[in-house]
Amino acid sequence: MPEKNLTDLHEGERAQVVSLLNESRIRRRLQDLGLVEGTRVNCIQKSPFGGMVAYGIRGAIIALRAEDAVGVLVN
């Protein structure tokens, strides 16, 4: 399966984190939330206007801004 951005997932779709392309400050925050290589992510709900997206990550629901989630590569 080809790599895509976390923002490309549709509601209910699952993927696995391949790498983080974000700058250091945001990258560290995402890693602290559990987004590291190999983590399974579930897209739970997308905002109708494209702002925030709720993801299931390691048993928690985390809302991320699209500009932060675009740097997370998944497959």
C-alpha atoms as a PDB file:
ATOM      1  CA  MET A   1       0.000   0.000   0.000  1.00  0.00           C
ATOM      2  CA  PRO A   2       1.450   3.423  -0.927  1.00  0.00           C
ATOM      3  CA  GLU A   3       2.257   5.991   1.745  1.00  0.00           C
ATOM      4  CA  LYS A   4      -0.094   8.906   2.279  1.00  0.00           C
ATOM      5  CA  ASN A   5      -0.609  11.679   4.817  1.00  0.00           C
ATOM      6  CA  LEU A   6      -2.649  11.191   7.966  1.00  0.00           C
ATOM      7  CA  THR A   7      -5.041  13.837   6.624  1.00  0.00           C
ATOM      8  CA  ASP A   8      -5.851  11.563   3.646  1.00  0.00           C
ATOM      9  CA  LEU A   9      -7.603   8.997   5.855  1.00  0.00           C
ATOM     10  CA  HIS A  10     -11.390   8.819   5.659  1.00  0.00           C
ATOM     11  CA  GLU A  11     -13.600   8.395   8.713  1.00  0.00           C
ATOM     12  CA  GLY A  12     -13.360   4.795   9.915  1.00  0.00           C
ATOM     13  CA  GLU A  13     -10.160   4.107   7.979  1.00  0.00           C
ATOM     14  CA  ARG A  14      -7.113   2.686   9.790  1.00  0.00           C
ATOM     15  CA  ALA A  15      -3.433   3.024   8.968  1.00  0.00           C
ATOM     16  CA  GLN A  16       0.019   2.588  10.449  1.00  0.00           C
ATOM     17  CA  VAL A  17       2.508   5.434  11.010  1.00  0.00           C
ATOM     18  CA  VAL A  18       5.556   5.209   8.740  1.00  0.00           C
ATOM     19  CA  SER A  19       7.366   8.460   9.625  1.00  0.00           C
ATOM     20  CA  LEU A  20       6.998  12.052  10.828  1.00  0.00           C
ATOM     21  CA  LEU A  21       8.049  14.936   8.588  1.00  0.00           C
ATOM     22  CA  ASN A  22       7.051  17.730  10.989  1.00  0.00           C
ATOM     23  CA  GLU A  23       9.434  20.339  12.402  1.00  0.00           C
ATOM     24  CA  SER A  24      11.048  19.549  15.738  1.00  0.00           C
ATOM     25  CA  ARG A  25       8.568  21.216  18.137  1.00  0.00           C
ATOM     26  CA  ILE A  26       5.449  19.671  16.587  1.00  0.00           C
ATOM     27  CA  ARG A  27       7.276  16.405  15.914  1.00  0.00           C
ATOM     28  CA  ARG A  28       8.116  16.035  19.612  1.00  0.00           C
ATOM     29  CA  ARG A  29       4.518  16.790  20.639  1.00  0.00           C
ATOM     30  CA  LEU A  30       3.171  14.172  18.213  1.00  0.00           C
ATOM     31  CA  GLN A  31       5.666  11.619  19.522  1.00  0.00           C
ATOM     32  CA  ASP A  32       4.574  12.393  23.095  1.00  0.00           C
ATOM     33  CA  LEU A  33       0.977  11.670  22.004  1.00  0.00           C
ATOM     34  CA  GLY A  34       2.092   8.238  20.775  1.00  0.00           C
ATOM     35  CA  LEU A  35       2.526   8.903  17.067  1.00  0.00           C
ATOM     36  CA  VAL A  36       5.720   6.956  16.438  1.00  0.00           C
ATOM     37  CA  GLU A  37       6.703   4.558  13.679  1.00  0.00           C
ATOM     38  CA  GLY A  38       4.505   1.462  13.739  1.00  0.00           C
ATOM     39  CA  THR A  39       1.607   2.986  15.705  1.00  0.00           C
ATOM     40  CA  ARG A  40      -1.866   2.086  14.425  1.00  0.00           C
ATOM     41  CA  VAL A  41      -4.146   5.100  13.905  1.00  0.00           C
ATOM     42  CA  ASN A  42      -7.895   5.194  13.333  1.00  0.00           C
ATOM     43  CA  CYS A  43      -9.608   8.242  11.808  1.00  0.00           C
ATOM     44  CA  ILE A  44     -12.679   8.683  13.999  1.00  0.00           C
ATOM     45  CA  GLN A  45     -14.266  11.950  12.906  1.00  0.00           C
ATOM     46  CA  LYS A  46     -13.429  14.817  10.570  1.00  0.00           C
ATOM     47  CA  SER A  47     -14.579  18.384  11.047  1.00  0.00           C
ATOM     48  CA  PRO A  48     -16.996  19.423   8.285  1.00  0.00           C
ATOM     49  CA  PHE A  49     -14.841  22.477   7.526  1.00  0.00           C
ATOM     50  CA  GLY A  50     -11.476  20.696   7.584  1.00  0.00           C
ATOM     51  CA  GLY A  51     -10.108  22.156  10.814  1.00  0.00           C
ATOM     52  CA  MET A  52      -9.674  19.410  13.389  1.00  0.00           C
ATOM     53  CA  VAL A  53      -9.743  15.636  12.999  1.00  0.00           C
ATOM     54  CA  ALA A  54     -10.248  13.115  15.815  1.00  0.00           C
ATOM     55  CA  TYR A  55      -7.924  10.090  15.701  1.00  0.00           C
ATOM     56  CA  GLY A  56      -7.805   6.989  17.848  1.00  0.00           C
ATOM     57  CA  ILE A  57      -4.195   6.497  18.939  1.00  0.00           C
ATOM     58  CA  ARG A  58      -3.154   3.812  21.445  1.00  0.00           C
ATOM     59  CA  GLY A  59      -6.563   3.729  23.133  1.00  0.00           C
ATOM     60  CA  ALA A  60      -6.972   7.515  23.353  1.00  0.00           C
ATOM     61  CA  ILE A  61      -8.870   9.939  21.129  1.00  0.00           C
ATOM     62  CA  ILE A  62      -6.679  12.835  20.008  1.00  0.00           C
ATOM     63  CA  ALA A  63      -7.802  15.846  17.949  1.00  0.00           C
ATOM     64  CA  LEU A  64      -5.151  17.190  15.580  1.00  0.00           C
ATOM     65  CA  ARG A  65      -5.098  20.223  13.323  1.00  0.00           C
ATOM     66  CA  ALA A  66      -4.796  19.415   9.638  1.00  0.00           C
ATOM     67  CA  GLU A  67      -1.534  21.392   9.344  1.00  0.00           C
ATOM     68  CA  ASP A  68       0.033  19.162  12.029  1.00  0.00           C
ATOM     69  CA  ALA A  69      -1.397  15.874  10.720  1.00  0.00           C
ATOM     70  CA  VAL A  70      -0.216  16.473   7.132  1.00  0.00           C
ATOM     71  CA  GLY A  71       3.388  15.753   8.167  1.00  0.00           C
ATOM     72  CA  VAL A  72       2.551  12.265   9.425  1.00  0.00           C
ATOM     73  CA  LEU A  73       3.085   9.607   6.744  1.00  0.00           C
ATOM     74  CA  VAL A  74       1.000   6.428   7.011  1.00  0.00           C
ATOM     75  CA  ASN A  75       0.303   3.324   4.962  1.00  0.00           C
END
